[in-house]
Amino acid sequence: MRLPRSLSGWTIAVFGVLAAALGVVGLVVPDALLTVMGFETVPDGGRADGDHTLVFLTASSMAALNMGVYYVLAALADWKPFFRWTVPFRLLTCAVFTLAVVGGRAPAGFLGVGLWEGLGAVVTGLALRYEKGRAEPDAASPASPASPAA
């Protein structure tokens, strides 16, 4: 069984597995996902004509499933450039989702989605920074090109 090879890879893999799992939940049991996000559910047959909630939920759930798989594959390949690219865009997602709650476009429960994105981005960013610090050779090290030859 292959596993991520780096701390940053693990952060991406965990996010990917969770995104994929929530995508599957949204496809199989959409009302459960709506409830988790703080949206009111509507009984079967109770939706008004023109209510496309389930269509949008299906589309976003499929996107989450696909995205989750992409994240897991990137984690298994230890594709650091991908990890770096995710950080600013996940922070942007955090900001947009948080503003949707603050602006009254989404219920308070939706704030968890934004915070999940933001926290995940910060953890991945910190893991990348930690790994970069460990990879840089010590200036006093004999293996360092900057150290004088004996």
Protein backbone atom coordinates (compact mmCIF):
# COMPACT_ATOMS: atom_id res chain seq x y z
CA MET A 1 0.00 0.00 0.00
CA ARG A 2 1.38 3.40 -0.99
CA LEU A 3 1.24 6.24 1.52
CA PRO A 4 2.22 9.92 1.29
CA ARG A 5 5.97 10.45 1.68
CA SER A 6 5.97 13.85 3.37
CA LEU A 7 4.16 15.78 6.06
CA SER A 8 2.74 18.15 3.44
CA GLY A 9 1.66 15.13 1.41
CA TRP A 10 -0.25 13.82 4.42
CA THR A 11 -2.08 17.15 4.82
CA ILE A 12 -3.13 17.00 1.17
CA ALA A 13 -4.11 13.32 1.42
CA VAL A 14 -6.30 13.89 4.48
CA PHE A 15 -8.02 16.82 2.80
CA GLY A 16 -8.49 14.75 -0.35
CA VAL A 17 -10.00 11.78 1.46
CA LEU A 18 -12.39 14.04 3.38
CA ALA A 19 -13.40 15.94 0.23
CA ALA A 20 -14.01 12.70 -1.65
CA ALA A 21 -16.00 11.23 1.24
CA LEU A 22 -18.18 14.33 1.53
CA GLY A 23 -18.66 14.27 -2.23
CA VAL A 24 -19.93 10.70 -2.02
CA VAL A 25 -22.25 11.65 0.87
CA GLY A 26 -23.63 14.53 -1.19
CA LEU A 27 -24.28 12.21 -4.13
CA VAL A 28 -25.80 9.36 -2.12
CA VAL A 29 -27.54 11.15 0.78
CA PRO A 30 -27.84 14.82 -0.20
CA ASP A 31 -30.03 15.77 2.78
CA ALA A 32 -27.32 14.57 5.18
CA LEU A 33 -24.81 16.92 3.56
CA LEU A 34 -27.27 19.81 3.62
CA THR A 35 -27.89 19.20 7.33
CA VAL A 36 -24.16 19.09 8.14
CA MET A 37 -23.70 22.46 6.40
CA GLY A 38 -26.60 24.03 8.27
CA PHE A 39 -29.10 24.18 5.43
CA GLU A 40 -32.75 23.35 5.99
CA THR A 41 -33.84 20.19 4.21
CA VAL A 42 -37.08 19.89 2.30
CA PRO A 43 -39.16 16.69 2.44
CA ASP A 44 -39.44 14.58 -0.71
CA GLY A 45 -41.89 16.16 -3.12
CA GLY A 46 -41.80 19.44 -1.22
CA ARG A 47 -39.52 21.38 -3.52
CA ALA A 48 -41.09 24.10 -5.62
CA ASP A 49 -40.88 24.04 -9.39
CA GLY A 50 -37.64 25.71 -10.38
CA ASP A 51 -35.83 24.74 -7.14
CA HIS A 52 -32.51 23.47 -8.39
CA THR A 53 -30.91 22.87 -4.98
CA LEU A 54 -30.36 19.16 -5.67
CA VAL A 55 -28.88 19.87 -9.10
CA PHE A 56 -26.31 22.24 -7.60
CA LEU A 57 -25.64 19.85 -4.73
CA THR A 58 -25.06 17.03 -7.22
CA ALA A 59 -22.67 19.18 -9.25
CA SER A 60 -20.68 20.38 -6.24
CA SER A 61 -20.62 16.89 -4.72
CA MET A 62 -19.24 15.43 -7.93
CA ALA A 63 -16.65 18.21 -8.04
CA ALA A 64 -15.70 17.45 -4.42
CA LEU A 65 -15.34 13.75 -5.22
CA ASN A 66 -13.13 14.48 -8.23
CA MET A 67 -11.09 17.08 -6.37
CA GLY A 68 -10.59 14.68 -3.49
CA VAL A 69 -9.23 12.04 -5.84
CA TYR A 70 -6.90 14.59 -7.47
CA TYR A 71 -5.59 15.59 -4.04
CA VAL A 72 -4.95 11.98 -3.02
CA LEU A 73 -3.14 11.24 -6.30
CA ALA A 74 -1.02 14.39 -5.89
CA ALA A 75 -0.21 13.36 -2.31
CA LEU A 76 0.86 9.87 -3.41
CA ALA A 77 3.10 11.43 -6.10
CA ASP A 78 4.45 13.93 -3.50
CA TRP A 79 3.80 16.69 -6.03
CA LYS A 80 5.00 19.70 -4.00
CA PRO A 81 4.17 22.36 -6.63
CA PHE A 82 0.53 21.24 -6.47
CA PHE A 83 0.62 21.43 -2.67
CA ARG A 84 1.93 25.02 -2.89
CA TRP A 85 -0.72 26.01 -5.44
CA THR A 86 -3.51 24.81 -3.17
CA VAL A 87 -2.60 27.08 -0.26
CA PRO A 88 -3.62 30.50 -1.69
CA PHE A 89 -6.68 29.11 -3.45
CA ARG A 90 -7.91 27.33 -0.33
CA LEU A 91 -7.40 30.56 1.62
CA LEU A 92 -9.44 32.35 -1.06
CA THR A 93 -12.16 29.71 -0.70
CA CYS A 94 -12.10 30.26 3.07
CA ALA A 95 -12.55 34.00 2.57
CA VAL A 96 -15.39 33.62 0.05
CA PHE A 97 -17.29 31.06 2.13
CA THR A 98 -16.82 33.08 5.33
CA LEU A 99 -18.04 36.23 3.60
CA ALA A 100 -21.07 34.30 2.33
CA VAL A 101 -22.03 33.60 5.96
CA VAL A 102 -21.20 37.10 7.18
CA GLY A 103 -23.14 38.62 4.25
CA GLY A 104 -26.21 36.50 4.93
CA ARG A 105 -25.97 34.43 1.74
CA ALA A 106 -25.36 31.20 3.67
CA PRO A 107 -26.35 29.85 7.10
CA ALA A 108 -23.89 29.91 10.00
CA GLY A 109 -23.27 26.16 9.63
CA PHE A 110 -21.62 26.86 6.29
CA LEU A 111 -18.85 28.70 8.16
CA GLY A 112 -17.41 25.28 9.00
CA VAL A 113 -16.72 24.66 5.31
CA GLY A 114 -14.77 27.90 5.05
CA LEU A 115 -12.84 27.23 8.26
CA TRP A 116 -12.05 23.69 7.11
CA GLU A 117 -10.55 25.11 3.90
CA GLY A 118 -8.64 27.82 5.76
CA LEU A 119 -7.27 25.55 8.46
CA GLY A 120 -6.26 22.97 5.86
CA ALA A 121 -4.45 25.63 3.83
CA VAL A 122 -2.56 26.91 6.87
CA VAL A 123 -1.55 23.40 7.97
CA THR A 124 -0.35 22.54 4.45
CA GLY A 125 1.54 25.85 4.22
CA LEU A 126 3.22 25.26 7.59
CA ALA A 127 4.15 21.71 6.60
CA LEU A 128 5.71 22.98 3.36
CA ARG A 129 7.65 25.65 5.26
CA TYR A 130 8.88 23.07 7.78
CA GLU A 131 10.02 20.74 5.00
CA LYS A 132 11.77 23.56 3.16
CA GLY A 133 13.64 24.50 6.35
CA ARG A 134 14.77 20.90 6.82
CA ALA A 135 15.93 20.65 3.19
CA GLU A 136 18.17 23.73 3.27
CA PRO A 137 21.76 22.74 4.16
CA ASP A 138 23.28 24.31 7.24
CA ALA A 139 25.77 27.06 6.29
CA ALA A 140 28.37 25.61 8.70
CA SER A 141 27.98 22.09 7.33
CA PRO A 142 31.01 20.65 5.47
CA ALA A 143 28.64 19.55 2.70
CA SER A 144 27.59 23.14 2.12
CA PRO A 145 29.11 24.84 -0.96
CA ALA A 146 29.47 28.02 1.12
CA SER A 147 31.84 26.43 3.65
CA PRO A 148 35.58 26.95 3.12
CA ALA A 149 37.62 24.01 1.84
CA ALA A 150 40.10 22.56 4.31
